[in-house]
């Protein structure tokens, strides 16, 4: 699950393993805007070797440079959610 603090919703993310230490995540958020319903899309790359993640917003039909960001992660001592949900990855 991915939780978006700005919109206050949690959604499932598609997770795929790219290498031994890198995972790709993608998700969309069902939100309402002033102009109607929108489904902003996001994608992220998680590197478990250096505990960093980069995130990019994807806007269909937009010619503007999409917003992006990065940050560091903290490893939890318990079994990771990625490991628990390994079955069914696409």
C-alpha atoms as a PDB file:
ATOM      1  CA  UNK A   1       0.000   0.000   0.000  1.00  0.00           C
ATOM      2  CA  UNK A   2       1.051   3.547  -0.726  1.00  0.00           C
ATOM      3  CA  UNK A   3      -0.374   6.317   1.445  1.00  0.00           C
ATOM      4  CA  UNK A   4      -0.466   9.844   0.049  1.00  0.00           C
ATOM      5  CA  UNK A   5      -0.280  12.411   2.846  1.00  0.00           C
ATOM      6  CA  UNK A   6      -1.532  15.289   0.646  1.00  0.00           C
ATOM      7  CA  UNK A   7      -4.747  13.538  -0.418  1.00  0.00           C
ATOM      8  CA  UNK A   8      -5.140  11.298   2.659  1.00  0.00           C
ATOM      9  CA  UNK A   9      -5.784   8.084   0.729  1.00  0.00           C
ATOM     10  CA  UNK A  10      -4.100   4.675   0.620  1.00  0.00           C
ATOM     11  CA  UNK A  11      -3.962   2.686  -2.621  1.00  0.00           C
ATOM     12  CA  UNK A  12      -2.313  -0.481  -3.850  1.00  0.00           C
ATOM     13  CA  UNK A  13       0.904  -0.070  -5.800  1.00  0.00           C
ATOM     14  CA  UNK A  14       2.154  -2.316  -8.590  1.00  0.00           C
ATOM     15  CA  UNK A  15       5.619  -3.515  -7.552  1.00  0.00           C
ATOM     16  CA  UNK A  16       8.184  -5.165  -9.809  1.00  0.00           C
ATOM     17  CA  UNK A  17      11.736  -6.167  -9.003  1.00  0.00           C
ATOM     18  CA  UNK A  18      14.252  -4.649 -11.444  1.00  0.00           C
ATOM     19  CA  UNK A  19      17.451  -6.053  -9.921  1.00  0.00           C
ATOM     20  CA  UNK A  20      18.655  -7.678  -6.707  1.00  0.00           C
ATOM     21  CA  UNK A  21      18.401  -4.325  -4.906  1.00  0.00           C
ATOM     22  CA  UNK A  22      16.007  -2.195  -6.989  1.00  0.00           C
ATOM     23  CA  UNK A  23      12.200  -2.187  -7.143  1.00  0.00           C
ATOM     24  CA  UNK A  24       9.859  -0.185  -9.367  1.00  0.00           C
ATOM     25  CA  UNK A  25       6.509   0.964  -7.963  1.00  0.00           C
ATOM     26  CA  UNK A  26       3.587   2.597  -9.768  1.00  0.00           C
ATOM     27  CA  UNK A  27       0.192   3.766  -8.530  1.00  0.00           C
ATOM     28  CA  UNK A  28      -2.612   6.242  -9.150  1.00  0.00           C
ATOM     29  CA  UNK A  29      -4.792   8.184  -6.729  1.00  0.00           C
ATOM     30  CA  UNK A  30      -8.576   8.549  -7.135  1.00  0.00           C
ATOM     31  CA  UNK A  31      -9.077  12.202  -6.193  1.00  0.00           C
ATOM     32  CA  UNK A  32     -11.490  15.025  -6.988  1.00  0.00           C
ATOM     33  CA  UNK A  33     -10.235  18.338  -8.334  1.00  0.00           C
ATOM     34  CA  UNK A  34     -11.988  21.620  -9.136  1.00  0.00           C
ATOM     35  CA  UNK A  35     -12.350  20.464 -12.746  1.00  0.00           C
ATOM     36  CA  UNK A  36     -13.717  17.009 -11.859  1.00  0.00           C
ATOM     37  CA  UNK A  37     -12.290  13.586 -11.171  1.00  0.00           C
ATOM     38  CA  UNK A  38      -8.579  13.046 -11.780  1.00  0.00           C
ATOM     39  CA  UNK A  39      -6.303  10.043 -11.404  1.00  0.00           C
ATOM     40  CA  UNK A  40      -2.809  11.398 -10.904  1.00  0.00           C
ATOM     41  CA  UNK A  41      -0.212   8.703 -11.588  1.00  0.00           C
ATOM     42  CA  UNK A  42       3.082   8.224  -9.838  1.00  0.00           C
ATOM     43  CA  UNK A  43       6.103   6.014 -10.267  1.00  0.00           C
ATOM     44  CA  UNK A  44       9.004   5.399  -7.942  1.00  0.00           C
ATOM     45  CA  UNK A  45      12.299   3.540  -7.846  1.00  0.00           C
ATOM     46  CA  UNK A  46      13.361   2.060  -4.518  1.00  0.00           C
ATOM     47  CA  UNK A  47      17.023   1.151  -4.086  1.00  0.00           C
ATOM     48  CA  UNK A  48      17.433  -1.095  -1.048  1.00  0.00           C
ATOM     49  CA  UNK A  49      21.249  -1.039  -1.292  1.00  0.00           C
ATOM     50  CA  UNK A  50      21.552   2.683  -0.496  1.00  0.00           C
ATOM     51  CA  UNK A  51      18.057   3.106   1.057  1.00  0.00           C
ATOM     52  CA  UNK A  52      16.963   5.822  -1.388  1.00  0.00           C
ATOM     53  CA  UNK A  53      13.761   6.346  -3.345  1.00  0.00           C
ATOM     54  CA  UNK A  54      13.023   8.635  -6.275  1.00  0.00           C
ATOM     55  CA  UNK A  55       9.429   9.569  -7.137  1.00  0.00           C
ATOM     56  CA  UNK A  56       7.939  11.138 -10.266  1.00  0.00           C
ATOM     57  CA  UNK A  57       4.423  12.373 -11.007  1.00  0.00           C
ATOM     58  CA  UNK A  58       3.056  11.495 -14.441  1.00  0.00           C
ATOM     59  CA  UNK A  59       0.469  13.768 -16.059  1.00  0.00           C
ATOM     60  CA  UNK A  60      -1.138  12.404 -19.202  1.00  0.00           C
ATOM     61  CA  UNK A  61      -1.340  14.927 -22.010  1.00  0.00           C
ATOM     62  CA  UNK A  62       0.876  17.477 -20.272  1.00  0.00           C
ATOM     63  CA  UNK A  63       3.915  19.010 -21.940  1.00  0.00           C
ATOM     64  CA  UNK A  64       5.271  20.404 -18.663  1.00  0.00           C
ATOM     65  CA  UNK A  65       8.224  18.806 -16.891  1.00  0.00           C
ATOM     66  CA  UNK A  66       6.657  16.445 -14.328  1.00  0.00           C
ATOM     67  CA  UNK A  67       7.330  17.052 -10.626  1.00  0.00           C
ATOM     68  CA  UNK A  68       9.893  14.706  -9.120  1.00  0.00           C
ATOM     69  CA  UNK A  69      11.656  14.191  -5.840  1.00  0.00           C
ATOM     70  CA  UNK A  70      13.875  11.864  -3.870  1.00  0.00           C
ATOM     71  CA  UNK A  71      14.581  10.945  -0.290  1.00  0.00           C
ATOM     72  CA  UNK A  72      16.162   8.467   2.033  1.00  0.00           C
ATOM     73  CA  UNK A  73      14.406   5.496   3.574  1.00  0.00           C
ATOM     74  CA  UNK A  74      14.626   3.733   6.902  1.00  0.00           C
ATOM     75  CA  UNK A  75      14.738  -0.060   7.045  1.00  0.00           C
ATOM     76  CA  UNK A  76      12.262  -1.620   9.493  1.00  0.00           C
ATOM     77  CA  UNK A  77      13.491  -4.556  11.563  1.00  0.00           C
ATOM     78  CA  UNK A  78      10.350  -6.613  10.854  1.00  0.00           C
ATOM     79  CA  UNK A  79       9.743  -8.563   7.649  1.00  0.00           C
ATOM     80  CA  UNK A  80       9.222  -6.029   4.879  1.00  0.00           C
ATOM     81  CA  UNK A  81       5.846  -5.583   3.217  1.00  0.00           C
ATOM     82  CA  UNK A  82       7.553  -6.172  -0.135  1.00  0.00           C
ATOM     83  CA  UNK A  83       8.710  -9.603   1.053  1.00  0.00           C
ATOM     84  CA  UNK A  84       5.306 -10.444   2.539  1.00  0.00           C
ATOM     85  CA  UNK A  85       3.512  -9.593  -0.720  1.00  0.00           C
ATOM     86  CA  UNK A  86       5.991 -11.175  -3.126  1.00  0.00           C
ATOM     87  CA  UNK A  87       3.397 -13.573  -4.592  1.00  0.00           C
ATOM     88  CA  UNK A  88       1.597 -12.065  -7.565  1.00  0.00           C
ATOM     89  CA  UNK A  89       4.131  -9.404  -8.533  1.00  0.00           C
ATOM     90  CA  UNK A  90       3.891  -8.396 -12.177  1.00  0.00           C
END
